[in-house]
N, C-alpha and C. Protein backbone atom coordinates (compact mmCIF):
# COMPACT_ATOMS: atom_id res chain seq x y z
N MET A 1 -19.90 28.20 -13.50
CA MET A 1 -19.99 28.43 -12.17
C MET A 1 -18.95 29.52 -11.65
N THR A 2 -19.08 29.99 -10.48
CA THR A 2 -18.28 30.86 -9.91
C THR A 2 -17.18 30.06 -9.14
N LYS A 3 -16.09 30.68 -9.03
CA LYS A 3 -14.87 29.96 -8.38
C LYS A 3 -15.16 29.79 -6.78
N GLN A 4 -15.04 28.63 -6.32
CA GLN A 4 -15.35 28.26 -5.01
C GLN A 4 -14.08 28.63 -4.09
N PRO A 5 -14.28 28.71 -2.82
CA PRO A 5 -13.21 28.69 -1.88
C PRO A 5 -12.58 27.32 -1.86
N ALA A 6 -11.34 27.24 -1.56
CA ALA A 6 -10.70 26.01 -1.43
C ALA A 6 -11.31 25.08 -0.57
N TYR A 7 -11.66 23.88 -1.13
CA TYR A 7 -12.12 22.92 -0.14
C TYR A 7 -12.03 21.50 -0.95
N SER A 8 -11.35 20.62 -0.34
CA SER A 8 -11.01 19.38 -0.91
C SER A 8 -11.82 18.30 -0.33
N ILE A 9 -12.44 17.50 -0.97
CA ILE A 9 -13.21 16.46 -0.67
C ILE A 9 -12.23 15.38 0.10
N ASP A 10 -12.48 15.13 1.28
CA ASP A 10 -11.74 13.98 1.96
C ASP A 10 -11.95 12.72 1.36
N PRO A 11 -11.00 11.81 1.13
CA PRO A 11 -11.30 10.45 0.47
C PRO A 11 -12.35 9.59 1.32
N ARG A 12 -12.30 9.93 2.62
CA ARG A 12 -13.18 9.17 3.59
C ARG A 12 -14.64 9.64 3.47
N ASP A 13 -14.79 10.84 2.85
CA ASP A 13 -16.21 11.35 2.62
C ASP A 13 -16.68 11.16 1.30
N GLU A 14 -15.86 10.43 0.40
CA GLU A 14 -16.14 10.36 -1.06
C GLU A 14 -17.51 9.74 -1.26
N LEU A 15 -17.75 8.69 -0.59
CA LEU A 15 -19.17 8.06 -0.94
C LEU A 15 -20.18 8.94 -0.43
N ILE A 16 -20.18 9.67 0.65
CA ILE A 16 -21.13 10.52 1.13
C ILE A 16 -21.46 11.59 0.08
N VAL A 17 -20.35 12.17 -0.43
CA VAL A 17 -20.42 13.28 -1.46
C VAL A 17 -21.05 12.69 -2.67
N ARG A 18 -20.63 11.53 -3.15
CA ARG A 18 -21.15 10.82 -4.41
C ARG A 18 -22.68 10.61 -4.24
N ARG A 19 -23.06 10.16 -3.10
CA ARG A 19 -24.50 9.85 -2.91
C ARG A 19 -25.39 11.23 -2.95
N TYR A 20 -24.75 12.07 -2.27
CA TYR A 20 -25.48 13.50 -2.09
C TYR A 20 -25.68 14.06 -3.47
N ILE A 21 -24.61 14.10 -4.25
CA ILE A 21 -24.64 14.66 -5.60
C ILE A 21 -25.61 13.93 -6.59
N HIS A 22 -25.46 12.62 -6.53
CA HIS A 22 -26.36 11.72 -7.28
C HIS A 22 -27.92 12.04 -6.77
N LYS A 23 -28.15 12.28 -5.58
CA LYS A 23 -29.53 12.39 -5.08
C LYS A 23 -30.08 13.90 -5.70
N LYS A 24 -29.21 14.85 -5.48
CA LYS A 24 -29.53 16.24 -5.94
C LYS A 24 -29.54 16.25 -7.43
N LEU A 25 -28.69 15.72 -8.13
CA LEU A 25 -28.62 15.86 -9.59
C LEU A 25 -29.58 15.04 -10.43
N LEU A 26 -29.68 13.77 -9.99
CA LEU A 26 -30.38 12.77 -10.78
C LEU A 26 -31.81 12.29 -10.12
N VAL A 27 -31.90 12.40 -8.90
CA VAL A 27 -33.17 11.82 -8.23
C VAL A 27 -34.09 12.94 -7.97
N GLU A 28 -33.70 14.04 -7.25
CA GLU A 28 -34.52 15.23 -6.92
C GLU A 28 -34.64 16.14 -7.96
N LEU A 29 -33.71 16.20 -8.93
CA LEU A 29 -33.51 17.11 -9.99
C LEU A 29 -33.48 18.59 -9.34
N ALA A 30 -32.77 18.76 -8.27
CA ALA A 30 -32.85 20.02 -7.42
C ALA A 30 -31.87 21.01 -8.03
N TRP A 31 -30.91 20.63 -8.80
CA TRP A 31 -29.88 21.51 -9.37
C TRP A 31 -30.27 21.92 -10.74
N ASP A 32 -30.31 23.15 -11.10
CA ASP A 32 -30.68 23.40 -12.53
C ASP A 32 -29.23 23.73 -13.23
N LEU A 33 -28.69 22.54 -13.57
CA LEU A 33 -27.35 22.66 -14.26
C LEU A 33 -27.48 22.16 -15.82
N PRO A 34 -26.63 22.50 -16.60
CA PRO A 34 -26.58 22.02 -17.94
C PRO A 34 -26.62 20.45 -18.10
N VAL A 35 -27.19 20.00 -19.26
CA VAL A 35 -27.37 18.70 -19.48
C VAL A 35 -26.02 17.75 -19.52
N GLU A 36 -25.13 18.37 -19.93
CA GLU A 36 -23.64 17.53 -19.84
C GLU A 36 -23.09 17.33 -18.51
N VAL A 37 -23.74 17.94 -17.50
CA VAL A 37 -23.27 17.81 -16.15
C VAL A 37 -23.34 16.39 -15.62
N GLU A 38 -24.56 15.74 -16.06
CA GLU A 38 -24.78 14.35 -15.61
C GLU A 38 -23.70 13.39 -16.07
N SER A 39 -23.36 13.43 -17.40
CA SER A 39 -22.33 12.66 -17.78
C SER A 39 -20.97 12.98 -17.32
N SER A 40 -20.77 14.25 -17.09
CA SER A 40 -19.54 14.67 -16.57
C SER A 40 -19.35 14.23 -15.17
N PHE A 41 -20.37 14.12 -14.41
CA PHE A 41 -20.49 13.57 -12.97
C PHE A 41 -19.97 11.96 -13.10
N GLU A 42 -20.84 11.43 -13.85
CA GLU A 42 -20.60 9.94 -14.11
C GLU A 42 -19.06 9.67 -14.31
N GLN A 43 -18.45 10.43 -15.07
CA GLN A 43 -17.02 10.31 -15.59
C GLN A 43 -16.14 10.66 -14.44
N ARG A 44 -16.43 11.58 -13.67
CA ARG A 44 -15.40 12.25 -12.67
C ARG A 44 -15.65 11.90 -11.23
N LYS A 45 -16.64 10.91 -11.00
CA LYS A 45 -16.88 10.51 -9.62
C LYS A 45 -16.09 9.39 -9.10
N ARG A 46 -14.97 8.91 -9.79
CA ARG A 46 -14.33 7.91 -9.28
C ARG A 46 -13.24 7.99 -8.24
N ASP A 47 -12.90 9.18 -7.76
CA ASP A 47 -12.09 9.28 -6.56
C ASP A 47 -12.29 10.72 -6.16
N ALA A 48 -11.71 11.02 -4.94
CA ALA A 48 -11.89 12.25 -4.19
C ALA A 48 -11.36 13.52 -5.10
N ILE A 49 -10.24 13.14 -5.64
CA ILE A 49 -9.68 14.36 -6.26
C ILE A 49 -10.47 14.81 -7.66
N THR A 50 -10.92 13.81 -8.32
CA THR A 50 -11.74 14.15 -9.57
C THR A 50 -13.08 14.66 -9.16
N LEU A 51 -13.38 14.12 -8.09
CA LEU A 51 -14.99 14.59 -7.55
C LEU A 51 -14.83 16.07 -7.05
N SER A 52 -13.65 16.39 -6.19
CA SER A 52 -13.44 17.77 -5.94
C SER A 52 -13.38 18.72 -7.19
N GLN A 53 -12.70 18.29 -8.14
CA GLN A 53 -12.59 18.99 -9.33
C GLN A 53 -14.02 19.26 -9.99
N TRP A 54 -14.80 18.18 -10.08
CA TRP A 54 -16.23 18.30 -10.65
C TRP A 54 -16.79 19.38 -9.81
N CYS A 55 -16.90 19.26 -8.54
CA CYS A 55 -17.70 20.24 -7.64
C CYS A 55 -17.09 21.57 -7.88
N GLN A 56 -15.76 21.83 -7.98
CA GLN A 56 -15.22 23.24 -8.28
C GLN A 56 -15.76 23.83 -9.65
N GLN A 57 -16.06 22.90 -10.51
CA GLN A 57 -16.41 23.37 -11.98
C GLN A 57 -17.91 23.55 -11.84
N TRP A 58 -18.74 22.84 -11.16
CA TRP A 58 -20.08 22.77 -11.47
C TRP A 58 -20.89 23.60 -10.31
N LEU A 59 -20.49 23.41 -9.07
CA LEU A 59 -21.38 23.83 -7.93
C LEU A 59 -21.04 25.27 -7.52
N ASP A 60 -22.14 26.02 -7.29
CA ASP A 60 -21.98 27.35 -6.85
C ASP A 60 -21.86 27.41 -5.34
N ALA A 61 -21.55 28.46 -4.74
CA ALA A 61 -21.24 28.71 -3.21
C ALA A 61 -22.26 28.07 -2.41
N GLU A 62 -23.46 28.20 -2.69
CA GLU A 62 -24.61 27.74 -1.93
C GLU A 62 -24.63 26.24 -2.06
N GLN A 63 -24.38 25.73 -3.12
CA GLN A 63 -24.41 24.15 -3.26
C GLN A 63 -23.29 23.57 -2.61
N TRP A 64 -22.09 24.29 -2.67
CA TRP A 64 -21.01 23.72 -1.86
C TRP A 64 -21.38 23.75 -0.28
N GLN A 65 -21.82 24.77 0.26
CA GLN A 65 -22.34 24.93 1.53
C GLN A 65 -23.20 23.97 1.96
N ARG A 66 -24.23 23.58 1.24
CA ARG A 66 -25.13 22.47 1.43
C ARG A 66 -24.48 21.18 1.39
N LEU A 67 -23.57 20.96 0.54
CA LEU A 67 -22.71 19.71 0.43
C LEU A 67 -21.99 19.54 1.64
N GLN A 68 -21.21 20.53 2.10
CA GLN A 68 -20.49 20.39 3.26
C GLN A 68 -21.35 20.23 4.56
N ALA A 69 -22.52 20.90 4.67
CA ALA A 69 -23.41 20.59 5.68
C ALA A 69 -23.90 19.18 5.68
N ALA A 70 -24.16 18.71 4.49
CA ALA A 70 -24.58 17.26 4.45
C ALA A 70 -23.50 16.37 4.95
N VAL A 71 -22.16 16.60 4.71
CA VAL A 71 -21.06 15.77 5.21
C VAL A 71 -20.88 15.81 6.62
N ARG A 72 -21.13 17.05 7.25
CA ARG A 72 -21.05 17.29 8.59
C ARG A 72 -22.22 16.51 9.32
N ALA A 73 -23.38 16.59 8.74
CA ALA A 73 -24.57 15.93 9.27
C ALA A 73 -24.39 14.32 9.25
N SER A 74 -23.80 13.84 8.26
CA SER A 74 -23.40 12.50 8.15
C SER A 74 -22.46 12.03 9.16
N HIS A 75 -21.43 12.85 9.35
CA HIS A 75 -20.41 12.54 10.52
C HIS A 75 -21.14 12.45 11.73
N TYR A 76 -21.95 13.47 12.10
CA TYR A 76 -22.70 13.58 13.38
C TYR A 76 -23.64 12.34 13.63
N ARG A 77 -24.37 11.94 12.53
CA ARG A 77 -25.18 10.76 12.61
C ARG A 77 -24.31 9.45 12.87
N GLN A 78 -23.10 9.44 12.24
CA GLN A 78 -22.27 8.24 12.57
C GLN A 78 -21.77 8.20 13.95
N ARG A 79 -21.43 9.33 14.42
CA ARG A 79 -21.05 9.56 15.74
C ARG A 79 -22.07 9.12 16.83
N VAL A 80 -23.30 9.60 16.57
CA VAL A 80 -24.38 9.14 17.37
C VAL A 80 -24.63 7.69 17.46
N ARG A 81 -24.54 7.14 16.17
CA ARG A 81 -24.91 5.69 16.13
C ARG A 81 -23.82 4.79 16.89
N GLN A 82 -22.58 5.38 16.77
CA GLN A 82 -21.39 4.69 17.56
C GLN A 82 -21.39 4.78 19.08
N SER A 83 -21.84 5.88 19.66
CA SER A 83 -22.02 6.12 20.85
C SER A 83 -23.17 7.04 21.32
N PRO A 84 -24.38 6.40 21.20
CA PRO A 84 -25.63 7.32 21.36
C PRO A 84 -25.69 7.94 22.91
N ASP A 85 -25.09 7.24 23.81
CA ASP A 85 -25.20 7.75 25.26
C ASP A 85 -24.36 9.12 25.42
N ARG A 86 -23.26 9.24 24.45
CA ARG A 86 -22.42 10.45 24.67
C ARG A 86 -23.16 11.67 24.00
N TYR A 87 -23.84 11.31 22.92
CA TYR A 87 -24.49 12.44 22.09
C TYR A 87 -26.03 12.55 22.40
N GLY A 88 -26.50 11.92 23.60
CA GLY A 88 -27.93 12.11 23.82
C GLY A 88 -28.77 10.95 23.38
N SER A 89 -29.77 10.78 24.10
CA SER A 89 -30.57 9.62 23.71
C SER A 89 -31.68 9.70 22.74
N HIS A 90 -31.68 10.84 22.10
CA HIS A 90 -32.72 11.02 21.03
C HIS A 90 -32.24 10.90 19.68
N VAL A 91 -32.93 10.37 18.72
CA VAL A 91 -32.54 10.42 17.37
C VAL A 91 -33.65 10.83 16.63
N HIS A 92 -33.42 11.32 15.40
CA HIS A 92 -34.50 11.85 14.61
C HIS A 92 -35.03 10.82 13.49
N VAL A 93 -36.33 10.75 13.27
CA VAL A 93 -36.71 9.76 12.17
C VAL A 93 -37.67 10.64 11.27
N ARG A 94 -37.83 10.02 10.21
CA ARG A 94 -38.67 10.60 9.14
C ARG A 94 -39.92 9.80 9.08
N LEU A 95 -41.08 10.39 9.30
CA LEU A 95 -42.42 9.63 9.32
C LEU A 95 -43.20 10.43 8.20
N SER A 96 -43.99 9.60 7.54
CA SER A 96 -45.09 10.14 6.71
C SER A 96 -46.06 10.78 7.63
N TYR A 97 -46.79 11.87 6.89
CA TYR A 97 -47.66 12.64 7.71
C TYR A 97 -48.71 11.71 8.41
N GLN A 98 -49.22 10.80 7.65
CA GLN A 98 -50.14 9.90 8.28
C GLN A 98 -49.65 9.15 9.52
N ALA A 99 -48.41 8.48 9.35
CA ALA A 99 -47.85 7.74 10.39
C ALA A 99 -47.72 8.73 11.60
N TRP A 100 -47.19 9.85 11.46
CA TRP A 100 -46.93 10.80 12.64
C TRP A 100 -48.41 11.15 13.23
N SER A 101 -49.33 11.50 12.34
CA SER A 101 -50.70 11.77 12.90
C SER A 101 -51.24 10.68 13.75
N ILE A 102 -51.16 9.38 13.31
CA ILE A 102 -51.64 8.30 13.92
C ILE A 102 -50.98 8.18 15.43
N LEU A 103 -49.60 8.21 15.35
CA LEU A 103 -48.92 8.02 16.61
C LEU A 103 -49.17 9.20 17.48
N THR A 104 -49.21 10.34 16.96
CA THR A 104 -49.53 11.51 17.87
C THR A 104 -50.85 11.35 18.61
N GLN A 105 -51.96 11.09 17.87
CA GLN A 105 -53.25 10.94 18.45
C GLN A 105 -53.33 9.97 19.55
N LEU A 106 -52.62 8.62 19.21
CA LEU A 106 -52.71 7.54 20.07
C LEU A 106 -51.86 7.87 21.42
N ALA A 107 -50.75 8.58 21.14
CA ALA A 107 -49.99 8.94 22.33
C ALA A 107 -50.73 9.97 23.18
N GLN A 108 -51.39 10.92 22.67
CA GLN A 108 -52.24 11.94 23.31
C GLN A 108 -53.36 11.11 24.04
N ARG A 109 -54.00 10.29 23.46
CA ARG A 109 -55.18 9.50 23.96
C ARG A 109 -54.54 8.91 25.30
N ASP A 110 -53.26 8.24 25.28
CA ASP A 110 -52.81 7.58 26.40
C ASP A 110 -52.11 8.58 27.39
N GLY A 111 -51.93 9.80 26.96
CA GLY A 111 -51.36 10.81 27.93
C GLY A 111 -49.74 10.61 27.97
N VAL A 112 -49.13 10.12 26.80
CA VAL A 112 -47.73 9.85 26.87
C VAL A 112 -47.03 10.49 25.65
N THR A 113 -45.76 10.39 25.54
CA THR A 113 -45.06 10.88 24.45
C THR A 113 -45.22 9.88 23.26
N ILE A 114 -44.83 10.17 22.14
CA ILE A 114 -44.84 9.20 20.90
C ILE A 114 -43.68 8.19 21.37
N SER A 115 -42.52 8.49 21.86
CA SER A 115 -41.62 7.63 22.12
C SER A 115 -42.09 6.57 23.28
N ASP A 116 -42.63 7.04 24.39
CA ASP A 116 -43.30 6.23 25.34
C ASP A 116 -44.39 5.29 24.71
N PHE A 117 -45.13 5.81 23.82
CA PHE A 117 -46.20 5.15 23.33
C PHE A 117 -45.65 3.82 22.46
N ILE A 118 -44.51 4.06 21.80
CA ILE A 118 -43.94 3.10 20.88
C ILE A 118 -43.28 2.00 21.85
N ILE A 119 -42.59 2.51 22.77
CA ILE A 119 -41.98 1.57 23.83
C ILE A 119 -43.06 0.79 24.48
N HIS A 120 -44.02 1.41 25.00
CA HIS A 120 -45.08 0.58 25.70
C HIS A 120 -45.66 -0.54 24.97
N HIS A 121 -45.94 -0.13 23.66
CA HIS A 121 -46.63 -1.13 22.82
C HIS A 121 -45.71 -2.14 22.12
N HIS A 122 -44.67 -1.90 22.19
CA HIS A 122 -43.60 -2.75 21.23
C HIS A 122 -42.51 -3.34 22.07
N GLN A 123 -42.32 -3.07 23.23
CA GLN A 123 -41.23 -3.62 24.04
C GLN A 123 -41.13 -5.05 24.24
N THR A 124 -42.38 -5.67 24.42
CA THR A 124 -42.49 -7.07 24.51
C THR A 124 -42.02 -7.86 23.22
N ASP A 125 -42.61 -7.29 22.15
CA ASP A 125 -42.25 -7.87 20.81
C ASP A 125 -40.75 -7.91 20.57
N TYR A 126 -40.19 -6.61 20.88
CA TYR A 126 -38.65 -6.37 20.55
C TYR A 126 -37.95 -7.35 21.64
N ALA A 127 -38.38 -7.44 22.83
CA ALA A 127 -37.58 -8.42 23.74
C ALA A 127 -37.57 -9.99 23.27
N ASP A 128 -38.87 -10.24 22.76
CA ASP A 128 -38.97 -11.60 22.29
C ASP A 128 -38.12 -11.81 20.96
N TRP A 129 -38.09 -10.80 20.16
CA TRP A 129 -37.24 -11.04 18.98
C TRP A 129 -35.76 -10.92 19.40
N PHE A 130 -35.29 -10.09 20.20
CA PHE A 130 -33.99 -9.93 20.66
C PHE A 130 -33.58 -11.35 21.33
N ASP A 131 -34.30 -11.76 22.21
CA ASP A 131 -34.01 -13.10 22.79
C ASP A 131 -33.82 -14.23 21.76
N ALA A 132 -34.58 -14.19 20.82
CA ALA A 132 -34.55 -15.23 19.71
C ALA A 132 -33.28 -14.99 18.82
N GLN A 133 -32.87 -13.91 18.66
CA GLN A 133 -31.65 -13.45 17.88
C GLN A 133 -30.54 -14.00 18.74
N GLN A 134 -30.52 -13.74 20.07
CA GLN A 134 -29.40 -14.16 20.98
C GLN A 134 -29.26 -15.67 20.93
N GLU A 135 -30.43 -16.38 20.98
CA GLU A 135 -30.27 -17.80 20.79
C GLU A 135 -29.79 -18.34 19.53
N VAL A 136 -30.11 -17.65 18.44
CA VAL A 136 -29.59 -18.03 17.10
C VAL A 136 -27.95 -17.85 17.10
N ASN A 137 -27.59 -16.75 17.68
CA ASN A 137 -26.24 -16.38 17.73
C ASN A 137 -25.39 -17.21 18.62
N ASN A 138 -26.04 -17.79 19.66
CA ASN A 138 -25.34 -18.52 20.50
C ASN A 138 -25.16 -20.03 20.22
N ARG A 139 -25.61 -20.42 19.09
CA ARG A 139 -25.77 -21.80 18.56
C ARG A 139 -24.45 -22.15 17.94
C-alpha cells in the first residue's frame, strides 16, 4: 500500500476502529487485500499503536479517509445520544425497504409524517411500558 499521511489512532477510538476494520475486512469483504491481511489484523489489533501500524501498512488513502469519517460519525452519534436537544431532535434509523414503504403509505393515508404516525400509534404503549419500568425501579 502507499504511505499514508501521519494519523494515529486515538486509544479512545480503538474499539470503533477495530469494529470498522473487522466489518469491512471480514463481514462485508469490501476491501480487496491479500489473504495474509486477515491474520495480520487479528495479531495487530490489540492496542491503538499496533492498530495504527497495521492501518499504515495495509490501508490506502481512500480507506483511511473512510475510516476517519466512520470515527467522526461515531463521535457525532455519541454526542447526539448524550445531549439530543443540543444537536437537534432528529435521529437517523435504518429500515428495510418494506418497513419504510409500509410506514410511508400509512403516514400518507393519515396525512402525517412517519414520526408523527409512529408517535400517535405507539405513545400509549410506550407510556405504559415506561410507567411499569419506573415502578420496578422504585421498588
